Amino acid sequence: MTTQQLTILLAVLLLIFVIELVRREKLSFKYALGWILVSVFAIITAVFNDMLFKTAYWLGFELPSNFIFFASLACITFLSLLLTIFLCQQNNRNDKMAQQLGLLERKFEDLKQNMQS
């Protein structure tokens, strides 16, 4: 098995795995989108490896492997940034929900006090 075939196989397996997680509702689509894009990019660059060489040369990389490492690092950074954004949004929702719960508990205690009086 060549490196190209192995790359295609691994990227397709990743794509299938992510789609299966979305189908089983273990992963939401907004989180899966980054992984889907990475696997599709890997498939495209493995199938059209001449495009990879030309892009690496055009961007000023001496070796395509340097470009691959750079692109991998950029993808990981992008995915980390997306996950950080989603985490911050979730924290904000949790804070808001905790505040609303506190207000509801306060109203409930006030109602209980009024009923006992």
N, C-alpha and C. Protein backbone atom coordinates (compact mmCIF):
# COMPACT_ATOMS: atom_id res chain seq x y z
N MET A 1 0.85 -1.17 0.00
CA MET A 1 0.00 0.00 0.00
C MET A 1 0.89 1.24 0.00
N THR A 2 0.61 2.16 -0.89
CA THR A 2 1.42 3.37 -0.99
C THR A 2 0.98 4.38 0.07
N THR A 3 1.80 5.38 0.24
CA THR A 3 1.50 6.45 1.19
C THR A 3 0.22 7.18 0.78
N GLN A 4 0.06 7.37 -0.51
CA GLN A 4 -1.13 8.05 -1.03
C GLN A 4 -2.39 7.24 -0.69
N GLN A 5 -2.35 5.95 -0.90
CA GLN A 5 -3.50 5.10 -0.60
C GLN A 5 -3.79 5.08 0.89
N LEU A 6 -2.74 5.02 1.70
CA LEU A 6 -2.92 5.02 3.15
C LEU A 6 -3.54 6.33 3.62
N THR A 7 -3.09 7.44 3.05
CA THR A 7 -3.65 8.75 3.41
C THR A 7 -5.12 8.82 3.05
N ILE A 8 -5.46 8.37 1.86
CA ILE A 8 -6.86 8.38 1.43
C ILE A 8 -7.70 7.50 2.35
N LEU A 9 -7.19 6.31 2.66
CA LEU A 9 -7.92 5.39 3.53
C LEU A 9 -8.17 6.00 4.91
N LEU A 10 -7.14 6.57 5.51
CA LEU A 10 -7.29 7.17 6.84
C LEU A 10 -8.24 8.37 6.82
N ALA A 11 -8.15 9.18 5.77
CA ALA A 11 -9.04 10.35 5.68
C ALA A 11 -10.49 9.92 5.48
N VAL A 12 -10.71 8.90 4.67
CA VAL A 12 -12.07 8.39 4.45
C VAL A 12 -12.61 7.77 5.74
N LEU A 13 -11.76 7.04 6.46
CA LEU A 13 -12.20 6.46 7.74
C LEU A 13 -12.55 7.55 8.75
N LEU A 14 -11.77 8.61 8.79
CA LEU A 14 -12.08 9.73 9.67
C LEU A 14 -13.40 10.37 9.28
N LEU A 15 -13.60 10.57 7.99
CA LEU A 15 -14.85 11.16 7.51
C LEU A 15 -16.05 10.29 7.88
N ILE A 16 -15.94 9.00 7.66
CA ILE A 16 -17.03 8.08 7.99
C ILE A 16 -17.28 8.08 9.50
N PHE A 17 -16.22 8.07 10.29
CA PHE A 17 -16.35 8.07 11.74
C PHE A 17 -17.07 9.32 12.24
N VAL A 18 -16.68 10.48 11.71
CA VAL A 18 -17.31 11.74 12.13
C VAL A 18 -18.78 11.77 11.71
N ILE A 19 -19.06 11.34 10.50
CA ILE A 19 -20.45 11.31 10.03
C ILE A 19 -21.28 10.34 10.88
N GLU A 20 -20.70 9.23 11.25
CA GLU A 20 -21.41 8.27 12.10
C GLU A 20 -21.68 8.86 13.49
N LEU A 21 -20.73 9.61 14.03
CA LEU A 21 -20.96 10.26 15.32
C LEU A 21 -22.09 11.29 15.23
N VAL A 22 -22.15 12.01 14.12
CA VAL A 22 -23.23 12.97 13.93
C VAL A 22 -24.56 12.24 13.78
N ARG A 23 -24.55 11.15 13.03
CA ARG A 23 -25.78 10.38 12.80
C ARG A 23 -26.32 9.82 14.11
N ARG A 24 -25.45 9.35 14.99
CA ARG A 24 -25.87 8.80 16.28
C ARG A 24 -26.11 9.88 17.33
N GLU A 25 -25.97 11.14 16.93
CA GLU A 25 -26.17 12.30 17.80
C GLU A 25 -25.20 12.32 18.98
N LYS A 26 -24.00 11.79 18.77
CA LYS A 26 -22.94 11.86 19.77
C LYS A 26 -22.12 13.13 19.59
N LEU A 27 -22.23 13.73 18.40
CA LEU A 27 -21.48 14.93 18.05
C LEU A 27 -22.40 15.82 17.23
N SER A 28 -22.49 17.10 17.59
CA SER A 28 -23.34 18.00 16.82
C SER A 28 -22.61 18.42 15.54
N PHE A 29 -23.38 18.83 14.57
CA PHE A 29 -22.81 19.13 13.26
C PHE A 29 -21.85 20.31 13.33
N LYS A 30 -22.15 21.29 14.17
CA LYS A 30 -21.26 22.46 14.22
C LYS A 30 -19.87 22.09 14.74
N TYR A 31 -19.78 21.09 15.62
CA TYR A 31 -18.48 20.63 16.07
C TYR A 31 -17.83 19.70 15.04
N ALA A 32 -18.64 18.98 14.30
CA ALA A 32 -18.13 18.02 13.32
C ALA A 32 -17.66 18.70 12.04
N LEU A 33 -18.14 19.89 11.77
CA LEU A 33 -17.82 20.56 10.50
C LEU A 33 -16.32 20.74 10.30
N GLY A 34 -15.61 21.11 11.33
CA GLY A 34 -14.15 21.29 11.21
C GLY A 34 -13.46 19.98 10.86
N TRP A 35 -13.87 18.88 11.49
CA TRP A 35 -13.26 17.58 11.21
C TRP A 35 -13.62 17.10 9.81
N ILE A 36 -14.82 17.39 9.37
CA ILE A 36 -15.23 17.01 8.01
C ILE A 36 -14.38 17.77 7.00
N LEU A 37 -14.18 19.06 7.23
CA LEU A 37 -13.35 19.85 6.31
C LEU A 37 -11.91 19.36 6.27
N VAL A 38 -11.37 19.00 7.43
CA VAL A 38 -10.00 18.48 7.48
C VAL A 38 -9.88 17.18 6.69
N SER A 39 -10.83 16.28 6.87
CA SER A 39 -10.76 15.00 6.17
C SER A 39 -10.97 15.17 4.66
N VAL A 40 -11.86 16.05 4.26
CA VAL A 40 -12.06 16.30 2.83
C VAL A 40 -10.80 16.93 2.23
N PHE A 41 -10.18 17.85 2.95
CA PHE A 41 -8.93 18.46 2.48
C PHE A 41 -7.84 17.41 2.33
N ALA A 42 -7.77 16.48 3.28
CA ALA A 42 -6.76 15.42 3.21
C ALA A 42 -7.02 14.51 2.01
N ILE A 43 -8.27 14.20 1.73
CA ILE A 43 -8.60 13.36 0.57
C ILE A 43 -8.22 14.08 -0.72
N ILE A 44 -8.57 15.36 -0.81
CA ILE A 44 -8.28 16.13 -2.03
C ILE A 44 -6.77 16.22 -2.26
N THR A 45 -6.01 16.52 -1.21
CA THR A 45 -4.56 16.65 -1.39
C THR A 45 -3.90 15.31 -1.66
N ALA A 46 -4.48 14.21 -1.17
CA ALA A 46 -3.91 12.89 -1.45
C ALA A 46 -4.20 12.47 -2.89
N VAL A 47 -5.39 12.77 -3.36
CA VAL A 47 -5.75 12.39 -4.74
C VAL A 47 -5.01 13.27 -5.74
N PHE A 48 -4.99 14.56 -5.49
CA PHE A 48 -4.33 15.50 -6.41
C PHE A 48 -3.04 15.99 -5.76
N ASN A 49 -2.06 15.10 -5.61
CA ASN A 49 -0.83 15.49 -4.92
C ASN A 49 0.01 16.48 -5.71
N ASP A 50 -0.19 16.58 -7.02
CA ASP A 50 0.50 17.63 -7.79
C ASP A 50 0.05 19.00 -7.32
N MET A 51 -1.21 19.11 -6.98
CA MET A 51 -1.74 20.38 -6.47
C MET A 51 -1.03 20.75 -5.16
N LEU A 52 -0.74 19.74 -4.34
CA LEU A 52 -0.04 19.98 -3.08
C LEU A 52 1.37 20.52 -3.34
N PHE A 53 2.08 19.92 -4.29
CA PHE A 53 3.43 20.39 -4.62
C PHE A 53 3.39 21.82 -5.17
N LYS A 54 2.44 22.09 -6.05
CA LYS A 54 2.35 23.43 -6.66
C LYS A 54 1.98 24.48 -5.61
N THR A 55 1.05 24.13 -4.73
CA THR A 55 0.65 25.07 -3.68
C THR A 55 1.80 25.34 -2.73
N ALA A 56 2.52 24.30 -2.36
CA ALA A 56 3.67 24.47 -1.46
C ALA A 56 4.72 25.37 -2.10
N TYR A 57 4.99 25.13 -3.38
CA TYR A 57 5.98 25.96 -4.08
C TYR A 57 5.50 27.40 -4.19
N TRP A 58 4.23 27.57 -4.51
CA TRP A 58 3.65 28.91 -4.69
C TRP A 58 3.68 29.71 -3.39
N LEU A 59 3.49 29.01 -2.25
CA LEU A 59 3.51 29.69 -0.95
C LEU A 59 4.92 29.87 -0.39
N GLY A 60 5.92 29.33 -1.08
CA GLY A 60 7.30 29.56 -0.68
C GLY A 60 7.91 28.47 0.19
N PHE A 61 7.27 27.33 0.30
CA PHE A 61 7.83 26.22 1.07
C PHE A 61 8.78 25.44 0.17
N GLU A 62 9.92 25.07 0.72
CA GLU A 62 10.89 24.33 -0.08
C GLU A 62 10.48 22.88 -0.26
N LEU A 63 9.86 22.31 0.76
CA LEU A 63 9.42 20.92 0.70
C LEU A 63 7.93 20.84 0.96
N PRO A 64 7.23 19.99 0.25
CA PRO A 64 5.80 19.83 0.52
C PRO A 64 5.51 19.34 1.94
N SER A 65 6.43 18.58 2.53
CA SER A 65 6.22 18.11 3.90
C SER A 65 6.17 19.28 4.88
N ASN A 66 6.97 20.32 4.63
CA ASN A 66 6.90 21.52 5.48
C ASN A 66 5.53 22.18 5.37
N PHE A 67 5.02 22.21 4.15
CA PHE A 67 3.68 22.77 3.94
C PHE A 67 2.62 21.94 4.64
N ILE A 68 2.76 20.63 4.60
CA ILE A 68 1.79 19.75 5.27
C ILE A 68 1.82 19.98 6.78
N PHE A 69 3.02 20.09 7.36
CA PHE A 69 3.11 20.37 8.79
C PHE A 69 2.51 21.73 9.13
N PHE A 70 2.78 22.71 8.30
CA PHE A 70 2.21 24.04 8.52
C PHE A 70 0.69 24.00 8.43
N ALA A 71 0.15 23.32 7.40
CA ALA A 71 -1.30 23.23 7.23
C ALA A 71 -1.92 22.46 8.40
N SER A 72 -1.26 21.42 8.87
CA SER A 72 -1.77 20.66 10.02
C SER A 72 -1.81 21.53 11.26
N LEU A 73 -0.75 22.27 11.48
CA LEU A 73 -0.71 23.17 12.64
C LEU A 73 -1.80 24.24 12.53
N ALA A 74 -2.01 24.76 11.33
CA ALA A 74 -3.05 25.77 11.13
C ALA A 74 -4.44 25.17 11.39
N CYS A 75 -4.66 23.94 10.94
CA CYS A 75 -5.96 23.27 11.18
C CYS A 75 -6.19 23.03 12.66
N ILE A 76 -5.17 22.57 13.36
CA ILE A 76 -5.30 22.33 14.79
C ILE A 76 -5.57 23.63 15.53
N THR A 77 -4.88 24.69 15.14
CA THR A 77 -5.10 25.99 15.76
C THR A 77 -6.52 26.48 15.50
N PHE A 78 -6.99 26.33 14.27
CA PHE A 78 -8.35 26.74 13.91
C PHE A 78 -9.39 25.95 14.70
N LEU A 79 -9.21 24.63 14.79
CA LEU A 79 -10.16 23.81 15.54
C LEU A 79 -10.13 24.16 17.03
N SER A 80 -8.96 24.44 17.57
CA SER A 80 -8.86 24.84 18.97
C SER A 80 -9.58 26.16 19.22
N LEU A 81 -9.41 27.09 18.30
CA LEU A 81 -10.10 28.38 18.42
C LEU A 81 -11.61 28.20 18.38
N LEU A 82 -12.10 27.38 17.44
CA LEU A 82 -13.54 27.12 17.36
C LEU A 82 -14.07 26.49 18.64
N LEU A 83 -13.35 25.50 19.17
CA LEU A 83 -13.79 24.85 20.40
C LEU A 83 -13.76 25.81 21.59
N THR A 84 -12.80 26.71 21.61
CA THR A 84 -12.73 27.70 22.68
C THR A 84 -13.93 28.64 22.59
N ILE A 85 -14.30 29.04 21.40
CA ILE A 85 -15.47 29.90 21.21
C ILE A 85 -16.73 29.19 21.69
N PHE A 86 -16.90 27.93 21.29
CA PHE A 86 -18.07 27.17 21.71
C PHE A 86 -18.09 26.99 23.23
N LEU A 87 -16.93 26.78 23.83
CA LEU A 87 -16.85 26.62 25.28
C LEU A 87 -17.24 27.91 25.99
N CYS A 88 -16.79 29.04 25.50
CA CYS A 88 -17.15 30.33 26.10
C CYS A 88 -18.65 30.58 25.98
N GLN A 89 -19.23 30.25 24.82
CA GLN A 89 -20.67 30.41 24.65
C GLN A 89 -21.43 29.53 25.63
N GLN A 90 -20.96 28.30 25.82
CA GLN A 90 -21.62 27.39 26.75
C GLN A 90 -21.51 27.90 28.19
N ASN A 91 -20.34 28.44 28.55
CA ASN A 91 -20.18 29.02 29.89
C ASN A 91 -21.13 30.18 30.11
N ASN A 92 -21.30 31.03 29.10
CA ASN A 92 -22.23 32.15 29.22
C ASN A 92 -23.67 31.65 29.39
N ARG A 93 -24.04 30.61 28.64
CA ARG A 93 -25.39 30.04 28.80
C ARG A 93 -25.57 29.44 30.19
N ASN A 94 -24.54 28.76 30.69
CA ASN A 94 -24.62 28.18 32.03
C ASN A 94 -24.76 29.25 33.10
N ASP A 95 -24.01 30.34 32.96
CA ASP A 95 -24.11 31.44 33.93
C ASP A 95 -25.52 32.03 33.92
N LYS A 96 -26.05 32.26 32.74
CA LYS A 96 -27.39 32.83 32.61
C LYS A 96 -28.43 31.88 33.21
N MET A 97 -28.28 30.59 32.95
CA MET A 97 -29.23 29.62 33.48
C MET A 97 -29.15 29.55 35.01
N ALA A 98 -27.95 29.63 35.56
CA ALA A 98 -27.78 29.61 37.02
C ALA A 98 -28.43 30.84 37.64
N GLN A 99 -28.30 31.99 37.01
CA GLN A 99 -28.93 33.20 37.51
C GLN A 99 -30.45 33.09 37.47
N GLN A 100 -30.97 32.56 36.37
CA GLN A 100 -32.42 32.38 36.25
C GLN A 100 -32.93 31.39 37.28
N LEU A 101 -32.17 30.33 37.52
CA LEU A 101 -32.56 29.35 38.52
C LEU A 101 -32.57 29.97 39.91
N GLY A 102 -31.59 30.80 40.19
CA GLY A 102 -31.56 31.50 41.48
C GLY A 102 -32.77 32.41 41.66
N LEU A 103 -33.15 33.12 40.60
CA LEU A 103 -34.33 33.98 40.66
C LEU A 103 -35.60 33.17 40.88
N LEU A 104 -35.70 32.04 40.19
CA LEU A 104 -36.87 31.18 40.36
C LEU A 104 -36.94 30.60 41.77
N GLU A 105 -35.82 30.20 42.33
CA GLU A 105 -35.81 29.69 43.70
C GLU A 105 -36.24 30.77 44.68
N ARG A 106 -35.78 31.97 44.43
CA ARG A 106 -36.15 33.11 45.30
C ARG A 106 -37.66 33.35 45.22
N LYS A 107 -38.22 33.34 44.01
CA LYS A 107 -39.67 33.53 43.86
C LYS A 107 -40.43 32.39 44.53
N PHE A 108 -39.93 31.18 44.41
CA PHE A 108 -40.58 30.03 45.03
C PHE A 108 -40.59 30.16 46.55
N GLU A 109 -39.45 30.58 47.11
CA GLU A 109 -39.38 30.77 48.56
C GLU A 109 -40.33 31.88 49.02
N ASP A 110 -40.42 32.95 48.22
CA ASP A 110 -41.35 34.04 48.56
C ASP A 110 -42.79 33.54 48.52
N LEU A 111 -43.14 32.75 47.52
CA LEU A 111 -44.49 32.19 47.43
C LEU A 111 -44.78 31.27 48.61
N LYS A 112 -43.79 30.48 49.00
CA LYS A 112 -43.96 29.59 50.13
C LYS A 112 -44.19 30.37 51.42
N GLN A 113 -43.45 31.46 51.55
CA GLN A 113 -43.61 32.33 52.72
C GLN A 113 -45.01 32.94 52.75
N ASN A 114 -45.47 33.38 51.58
CA ASN A 114 -46.81 34.00 51.50
C ASN A 114 -47.90 32.98 51.79
N MET A 115 -47.72 31.73 51.37
CA MET A 115 -48.73 30.70 51.60
C MET A 115 -48.80 30.32 53.08
N GLN A 116 -47.67 30.36 53.78
CA GLN A 116 -47.65 30.00 55.19
C GLN A 116 -48.19 31.12 56.08
N SER A 117 -48.15 32.35 55.59
CA SER A 117 -48.60 33.49 56.40
C SER A 117 -50.10 33.61 56.44
